[in-house]
Protein backbone atom coordinates (compact mmCIF):
# COMPACT_ATOMS: atom_id res chain seq x y z
CA MET A 1 77.17 -75.94 -6.14
CA ASN A 2 80.54 -74.29 -5.31
CA ILE A 3 80.83 -70.75 -4.29
CA HIS A 4 84.14 -69.18 -3.09
CA ILE A 5 84.28 -65.73 -1.75
CA SER A 6 87.29 -63.66 -0.91
CA ASN A 7 87.58 -60.75 1.39
CA ASN A 8 90.70 -59.68 -0.61
CA SER A 9 88.71 -59.30 -3.85
CA GLN A 10 87.93 -55.85 -5.13
CA LYS A 11 84.30 -57.05 -5.74
CA ALA A 12 81.75 -56.85 -3.10
CA LEU A 13 80.75 -60.18 -1.58
CA TYR A 14 77.26 -60.10 -3.07
CA GLU A 15 78.79 -59.47 -6.54
CA GLN A 16 81.09 -62.50 -6.08
CA ILE A 17 78.14 -64.68 -5.17
CA TYR A 18 76.00 -63.17 -8.11
CA ASP A 19 78.81 -63.78 -10.61
CA GLN A 20 79.53 -67.27 -9.57
CA LEU A 21 75.85 -68.33 -9.52
CA ARG A 22 75.22 -66.66 -12.87
CA GLU A 23 78.21 -68.37 -14.41
CA GLN A 24 77.03 -71.80 -13.13
CA ILE A 25 73.54 -71.18 -14.47
CA LEU A 26 74.78 -70.05 -17.91
CA ASP A 27 77.39 -72.90 -18.32
CA GLY A 28 74.72 -75.51 -17.29
CA THR A 29 76.24 -76.52 -13.96
CA LEU A 30 72.99 -75.41 -12.38
CA LYS A 31 69.90 -76.66 -14.25
CA ALA A 32 66.54 -74.98 -14.75
CA GLY A 33 64.23 -75.72 -11.85
CA GLU A 34 67.10 -76.79 -9.53
CA ALA A 35 66.67 -75.46 -5.95
CA LEU A 36 69.24 -73.15 -4.59
CA PRO A 37 70.41 -73.05 -1.05
CA THR A 38 68.24 -70.95 1.20
CA ILE A 39 69.47 -67.38 1.76
CA ARG A 40 70.12 -68.14 5.37
CA GLY A 41 71.73 -71.50 4.61
CA LEU A 42 74.15 -69.97 2.12
CA ALA A 43 74.99 -67.10 4.48
CA LYS A 44 75.80 -69.65 7.20
CA ASP A 45 77.88 -71.77 4.88
CA LEU A 46 79.84 -68.71 3.69
CA ARG A 47 79.95 -67.17 7.06
CA ILE A 48 78.58 -63.88 5.83
CA SER A 49 75.54 -61.71 6.46
CA VAL A 50 72.01 -62.85 5.40
CA ILE A 51 71.69 -59.28 3.88
CA THR A 52 74.67 -60.01 1.55
CA THR A 53 73.20 -63.31 0.23
CA SER A 54 69.76 -61.72 0.02
CA ARG A 55 71.20 -58.94 -2.16
CA ALA A 56 72.87 -61.52 -4.49
CA TYR A 57 69.61 -63.53 -4.88
CA SER A 58 67.47 -60.34 -5.44
CA ASP A 59 69.82 -59.30 -8.14
CA LEU A 60 69.78 -62.75 -9.74
CA GLU A 61 66.02 -62.71 -9.62
CA ARG A 62 65.79 -59.16 -11.06
CA ASP A 63 68.00 -60.26 -14.00
CA GLY A 64 65.95 -63.40 -14.63
CA TYR A 65 68.33 -66.01 -13.56
CA ILE A 66 66.35 -67.28 -10.64
CA TYR A 67 62.83 -67.10 -9.34
CA SER A 68 61.52 -67.42 -5.77
CA VAL A 69 58.43 -69.20 -4.39
CA VAL A 70 57.21 -68.03 -1.09
CA GLY A 71 57.75 -70.75 1.52
CA LYS A 72 59.61 -72.99 -0.87
CA GLY A 73 62.80 -71.11 -1.78
CA SER A 74 64.70 -69.99 -4.88
CA PHE A 75 65.14 -71.93 -8.03
CA VAL A 76 67.07 -71.66 -11.24
CA ALA A 77 64.83 -70.06 -13.96
CA GLU A 78 64.22 -71.48 -17.32
CA CYS A 79 66.66 -69.74 -19.65
CA ASN A 80 65.70 -70.01 -23.20
CA GLU A 81 68.46 -70.13 -25.85
CA ALA A 82 67.74 -66.57 -26.93
CA PHE A 83 68.07 -65.32 -23.33
CA VAL A 84 71.42 -67.11 -22.87
CA ARG A 85 72.75 -66.01 -26.23
CA GLU A 86 71.83 -62.38 -25.49
CA ARG A 87 73.58 -62.44 -22.15
CA ASN A 88 76.67 -64.04 -23.69
CA LEU A 89 76.72 -61.50 -26.49
CA ARG A 90 76.51 -58.63 -24.08
CA GLU A 91 79.38 -60.08 -21.94
CA MET A 92 81.43 -60.65 -25.19
CA GLU A 93 80.87 -56.97 -26.20
CA GLU A 94 82.05 -55.77 -22.80
CA HIS A 95 85.25 -57.86 -23.09
CA LEU A 96 85.79 -56.78 -26.68
CA GLN A 97 85.37 -53.17 -25.75
CA LYS A 98 88.10 -53.58 -23.09
CA ALA A 99 90.33 -55.31 -25.62
CA VAL A 100 89.82 -52.47 -28.16
CA ASP A 101 90.64 -49.90 -25.48
CA ILE A 102 93.85 -51.72 -24.61
CA SER A 103 94.83 -52.05 -28.25
CA ALA A 104 94.32 -48.32 -28.68
CA ARG A 105 96.62 -47.57 -25.72
CA CYS A 106 99.27 -49.84 -27.43
CA GLY A 107 98.84 -48.03 -30.69
CA MET A 108 97.67 -51.24 -32.42
CA SER A 109 96.06 -50.82 -35.85
CA GLU A 110 92.55 -52.20 -36.60
CA GLU A 111 94.11 -54.68 -39.00
CA ASP A 112 96.63 -55.94 -36.38
CA PHE A 113 93.79 -56.23 -33.84
CA LEU A 114 91.57 -58.16 -36.22
CA ALA A 115 94.52 -60.42 -37.12
CA LEU A 116 95.09 -61.21 -33.46
CA VAL A 117 91.37 -62.06 -33.06
CA LYS A 118 91.52 -64.37 -36.14
CA ASN A 119 94.50 -66.25 -34.59
CA PHE A 120 92.33 -66.93 -31.56
CA PHE A 121 89.67 -68.50 -33.71
CA ARG A 122 92.32 -70.64 -35.51
CA GLY A 123 93.77 -71.89 -32.25
């Protein structure tokens, strides 16, 4: 498991950890049932506060990506295909909304925007 944090990022440290772990879970790098580093261990490795790693883990658990077992640690949750698909669709919608907003600022027509999207599908 690789996590890289940056103090120069505009994102909070816990958000950087959350995003990277979430991405590794969704892309299959971290498998269901796989143990995550302890909160204290990750904090020590990253040289950050335990509170920061705890926040990231709490948010991941709240969103269903991980689960915790008292005395044993945190583990990657079983993500069924529908769950993963829904998360990916939501992320795609967010990115598409940003793209639509940018195209509007550029004065791009709907037809031109759709043609651009089609070009991405074709390679």
